[in-house]
Amino acid sequence: MQKLKAENLYRSELIPVSGKLVERYNQCLKKMGFSETKLTKFSIDGIGWSPEIAEEKGEQYYLGNGESNPHGIIISPLQNQKPVYLPYHTFDRDMMQLVFKTHSDKINDITRDSAICIDFDQGIDTFYEPFDLLRYQRITIRFHLINNLDNVRQEQLDLIEKFKFGNNFIDEDIHNQLLESATKYGDLRERDLNLRSISFVTDSFYTRSFGGVYVLRDFITPILVFEDKKWYKEAIKDTVHDVIIFHISQPELMEKLRDHIIITYDLEEVIKTKRYERIKKFEFAQHLKDTQHPVKNILNDPLLFKSYLNKIDIDTRKKIMSVERYLEKLETSNQYKISDIVDEDLFDALHEPHSSLDPKHQDLIWKLLVNISPKDILFIYWYDKQEFYKLYETWDESLQDWVIETISNNI
């Protein structure tokens, strides 16, 4: 991952945490029922997740009490607009943007000497079956301050009112209580520490619950797409819910998405794009073995590309060039079918979300498409960084160099 880090392509926007902020972070962990970290220095993302603490705990999603009870931590206003590097749901960053949009000024004030624990409450205590995900509708975002600072402020105000009443201004006990509170917490009278709850409405989304599920419920009929076969097999036993269920590897899924006008394709247009070139080159790279030139050079140099293309076996060559072959044959006769010539995985990779979809839905469908057929390395990086990092570690070093160059030239 060092080369990715050097190019700012690996968690480059994390916020360093040390000193007093560590103490406040631990107070949040403790308040939410988690064990404290022993680290004295670490980094966090926009929702308060830390890769170092995740490694320490041996648990990537340590900021959650089960799959249905995710949490977040704000200890710095610098978290505003920062990425959420390990989202549990595709809408996690949207929720954090709403939090800062609603309470930005108060967050700036509170985090001067406190921290904010966030509870994303969808009204479900725990999941029992995948269909519980259909109940994700309105999420109430609740806030809790460490040391209950908002309650301490109210106690100070109550003490002041008590101090003003009758002859209480000479009561030494009240004097001492006021001084003790002011010494410990500061003068909170003029500070607005009340963070009202926020309501966030979900539509279609992806969640890592139940091994990873796409919940597409803003179309003709709700569709659940499972990444985990065990949970898919469990879900298809259901006879109660009016839901279409697929495993992500089922060929019928792409057909259903086309029928519902969720995805589309245009081979004549896509073949003119950089995206097609990336997909074709990446597919070619998978079949290069024991090369005399670096893979990066082969993919970037048209002469080397042609040379090595002609050295591989004819079936592989037909697969890599199947789209061009199909379009060429189509010019002479319309009797040819896509399925007769174009490689199925390559064909799947050339689909895109339908232009009629809302931009947020388009992003979700892009993520689904790159998971169905992960062949566009730029889009995998954009829409599923965790999958990208896993794949990256399996690639030849020279292929890694080509991938880094390709991504860097497109961001």
Foldseek 3Di string as FASTA:
>chain_A
DVVCVVLCLPLNLWAKDADPLLVQLQLLCVVVPHHHDPDRIFTAALFGQTPVVCVVVVHRQRQAPAQQKGKGKFLALSSAPTDDPDDQKPCPVVVSNVLCVVCVVLSHVQNVNWMKMKIFAQPDPYDDAPCVVVSRFKTKIDIAIRVSVVVLLVVLVVLVVVCPPDPNVPVVVSVVVNVVSCVVPNNCPPHDNDDDIDMDGDAWMWGPPPNIWTWHPPFPFIEIEHQDPVSLVVVVVDDPDRYHYYYLQDPVVVVVCVVRLFKDFDLVVLCPDPQLLQLLLQLVQVQDDPDPDQSLCCSVDPVSVVVVLVVDDPVSNQASCQSVVVVVVVVVDVPDDSVVRYDPLSVLLRMATRPVDDPVSRLRVLLSSCVSRVRRLLSCSVRPVVVSVVVLVVDDPSVNVNSSVVNSVVD
